[in-house]
N, C-alpha and C. Protein backbone atom coordinates (compact mmCIF):
# COMPACT_ATOMS: atom_id res chain seq x y z
N MET A 1 111.24 74.02 100.63
CA MET A 1 109.84 74.79 100.74
C MET A 1 109.21 74.78 99.22
N SER A 2 108.40 74.72 99.23
CA SER A 2 107.44 74.43 97.80
C SER A 2 107.40 75.95 97.11
N ILE A 3 106.92 75.87 95.90
CA ILE A 3 106.84 77.27 95.42
C ILE A 3 105.61 77.99 95.97
N THR A 4 104.62 77.02 96.10
CA THR A 4 103.25 77.70 96.78
C THR A 4 103.61 78.30 97.96
N ALA A 5 104.37 77.72 98.91
CA ALA A 5 104.74 78.10 100.11
C ALA A 5 105.61 79.37 100.10
N GLU A 6 106.53 79.40 99.19
CA GLU A 6 107.19 80.59 98.76
C GLU A 6 106.38 81.66 98.32
N LEU A 7 105.73 81.65 97.67
CA LEU A 7 104.83 82.65 97.08
C LEU A 7 103.86 83.03 98.01
N SER A 8 103.36 82.24 98.79
CA SER A 8 102.52 82.69 100.12
C SER A 8 103.29 83.34 100.98
N ALA A 9 104.49 83.01 101.29
CA ALA A 9 105.18 83.90 102.31
C ALA A 9 105.59 85.23 101.79
N LEU A 10 105.96 85.31 100.45
CA LEU A 10 106.31 86.55 99.76
C LEU A 10 104.88 87.42 99.36
N SER A 11 103.93 86.79 99.47
CA SER A 11 102.52 87.64 99.44
C SER A 11 102.26 88.22 100.61
N THR A 12 102.68 87.54 101.75
CA THR A 12 102.45 88.07 103.24
C THR A 12 103.44 89.20 103.39
N ALA A 13 104.70 89.20 102.87
CA ALA A 13 105.86 90.05 103.12
C ALA A 13 105.31 91.39 102.50
N LEU A 14 104.91 91.25 101.15
CA LEU A 14 104.45 92.36 100.56
C LEU A 14 103.43 93.15 100.90
N ASP A 15 102.30 92.43 101.48
CA ASP A 15 101.35 93.02 102.15
C ASP A 15 101.78 93.79 103.44
N GLU A 16 102.62 93.15 104.24
CA GLU A 16 103.37 94.03 105.41
C GLU A 16 104.10 95.18 104.94
N LEU A 17 104.96 95.10 103.98
CA LEU A 17 105.63 96.04 103.59
C LEU A 17 104.89 97.28 102.82
N THR A 18 103.69 96.74 102.26
CA THR A 18 102.84 97.95 101.75
C THR A 18 102.31 98.75 102.84
N ALA A 19 101.65 98.07 103.95
CA ALA A 19 101.17 98.60 105.12
C ALA A 19 102.14 99.51 105.68
N ARG A 20 103.50 99.20 105.69
CA ARG A 20 104.43 100.06 106.33
C ARG A 20 104.76 101.17 105.43
N VAL A 21 104.60 101.19 104.32
CA VAL A 21 104.90 102.31 103.29
C VAL A 21 103.64 103.20 103.26
N VAL A 22 102.43 102.77 103.56
CA VAL A 22 101.08 103.38 103.52
C VAL A 22 101.42 104.41 104.87
N GLY A 23 101.87 103.64 105.99
CA GLY A 23 101.97 104.43 107.09
C GLY A 23 103.05 105.55 107.30
N LEU A 24 103.96 105.36 106.58
CA LEU A 24 104.94 106.45 106.42
C LEU A 24 104.39 107.53 105.29
N ALA A 25 103.74 107.19 104.40
CA ALA A 25 103.21 108.21 103.45
C ALA A 25 102.06 108.83 104.16
N ASP A 26 101.39 108.24 105.13
CA ASP A 26 100.20 108.91 105.99
C ASP A 26 100.83 109.86 107.06
N GLY A 27 102.00 109.66 107.46
CA GLY A 27 102.63 110.42 108.30
C GLY A 27 103.17 111.47 107.89
N ARG A 28 103.40 111.49 106.57
CA ARG A 28 103.82 112.84 105.88
C ARG A 28 102.82 114.02 105.95
N GLY A 29 101.58 113.51 106.01
CA GLY A 29 100.50 114.47 106.27
C GLY A 29 99.62 114.57 104.68
N ALA A 30 98.95 115.70 104.57
CA ALA A 30 98.04 115.49 103.44
C ALA A 30 98.52 116.49 102.13
N ASP A 31 99.88 116.96 102.14
CA ASP A 31 100.47 117.99 101.29
C ASP A 31 100.73 116.98 99.97
N ASP A 32 99.85 117.20 99.14
CA ASP A 32 100.18 116.51 97.70
C ASP A 32 101.56 116.97 97.11
N GLU A 33 101.88 118.20 97.40
CA GLU A 33 103.11 118.53 96.87
C GLU A 33 104.35 117.96 97.69
N ASP A 34 104.30 117.21 98.55
CA ASP A 34 105.46 116.79 99.05
C ASP A 34 106.10 115.48 98.30
N PRO A 35 107.40 115.76 97.94
CA PRO A 35 108.08 114.86 97.04
C PRO A 35 108.18 113.59 97.75
N ILE A 36 108.30 113.52 99.17
CA ILE A 36 108.44 112.20 99.75
C ILE A 36 107.19 111.48 99.66
N ARG A 37 106.35 112.22 100.08
CA ARG A 37 104.73 111.42 100.07
C ARG A 37 104.72 111.01 98.57
N ALA A 38 104.90 111.61 97.66
CA ALA A 38 104.69 111.19 96.31
C ALA A 38 105.19 109.97 96.08
N ASP A 39 106.83 109.89 96.58
CA ASP A 39 107.37 108.75 96.14
C ASP A 39 106.87 107.55 96.93
N LEU A 40 106.60 107.80 98.34
CA LEU A 40 105.94 106.70 99.03
C LEU A 40 104.83 105.98 98.39
N GLN A 41 103.93 106.97 97.73
CA GLN A 41 102.81 106.37 97.07
C GLN A 41 102.94 105.78 95.89
N GLU A 42 103.83 106.02 95.27
CA GLU A 42 104.50 105.21 93.95
C GLU A 42 104.79 104.05 94.54
N VAL A 43 105.77 104.04 95.58
CA VAL A 43 106.33 102.63 96.15
C VAL A 43 105.00 101.91 96.58
N GLU A 44 104.03 102.36 97.16
CA GLU A 44 102.78 101.63 97.44
C GLU A 44 102.09 101.00 96.18
N ARG A 45 102.09 101.75 95.17
CA ARG A 45 101.55 101.23 93.99
C ARG A 45 102.06 100.25 93.56
N GLN A 46 103.48 100.19 93.35
CA GLN A 46 104.41 99.36 92.61
C GLN A 46 104.19 97.87 93.53
N LEU A 47 104.16 98.14 94.78
CA LEU A 47 103.94 97.02 95.93
C LEU A 47 102.85 96.28 95.68
N THR A 48 101.74 97.06 95.55
CA THR A 48 100.30 96.52 95.41
C THR A 48 100.33 95.79 94.09
N GLN A 49 100.76 96.27 92.88
CA GLN A 49 101.04 95.50 91.64
C GLN A 49 101.77 94.20 91.86
N ALA A 50 102.93 94.27 92.48
CA ALA A 50 103.66 93.03 92.82
C ALA A 50 102.86 92.04 93.64
N ALA A 51 102.09 92.48 94.66
CA ALA A 51 101.15 91.68 95.42
C ALA A 51 100.12 90.85 94.49
N ARG A 52 99.59 91.79 93.45
CA ARG A 52 98.48 91.05 92.78
C ARG A 52 99.28 90.26 91.66
N ARG A 53 100.28 90.32 91.29
CA ARG A 53 101.01 89.37 90.33
C ARG A 53 101.29 87.98 91.13
N VAL A 54 101.60 88.39 92.28
CA VAL A 54 102.16 87.04 93.01
C VAL A 54 100.75 86.23 93.33
N ALA A 55 99.60 86.97 93.75
CA ALA A 55 98.21 86.30 93.70
C ALA A 55 97.98 85.58 92.73
N LYS A 56 98.23 86.16 91.59
CA LYS A 56 97.65 85.59 90.17
C LYS A 56 98.78 84.53 89.89
N SER A 57 99.99 84.27 90.37
CA SER A 57 100.68 83.05 90.15
C SER A 57 100.32 82.05 91.08
N LEU A 58 99.93 82.56 92.32
CA LEU A 58 99.48 81.41 93.39
C LEU A 58 98.15 80.80 92.61
N ARG A 59 97.32 81.60 92.13
CA ARG A 59 95.95 80.97 91.69
C ARG A 59 96.16 80.12 90.36
N SER A 60 97.33 80.55 89.65
CA SER A 60 97.53 79.62 88.65
C SER A 60 98.16 78.25 89.12
N LEU A 61 98.87 78.24 90.09
CA LEU A 61 99.53 77.12 90.47
C LEU A 61 98.24 76.05 91.26
N ASN A 62 97.29 76.79 91.83
CA ASN A 62 96.18 76.12 92.50
C ASN A 62 95.11 75.63 91.57
N ALA A 63 95.06 76.02 90.32
CA ALA A 63 94.05 75.79 89.19
C ALA A 63 94.13 74.49 88.89
């Protein structure tokens, strides 16, 4: 499999994981003091950052 295909698959997986984490965080309610919710929100931020980096790599390959 080419690196472009691998990165594309990884991008899709990151998007799906992010959606799952958001669902879990939302399921914890609106309590900003909930440590589990805070951790899940941090995971969401990190996954979003990873997805952006993968997208940047894909753009570089396609330039």
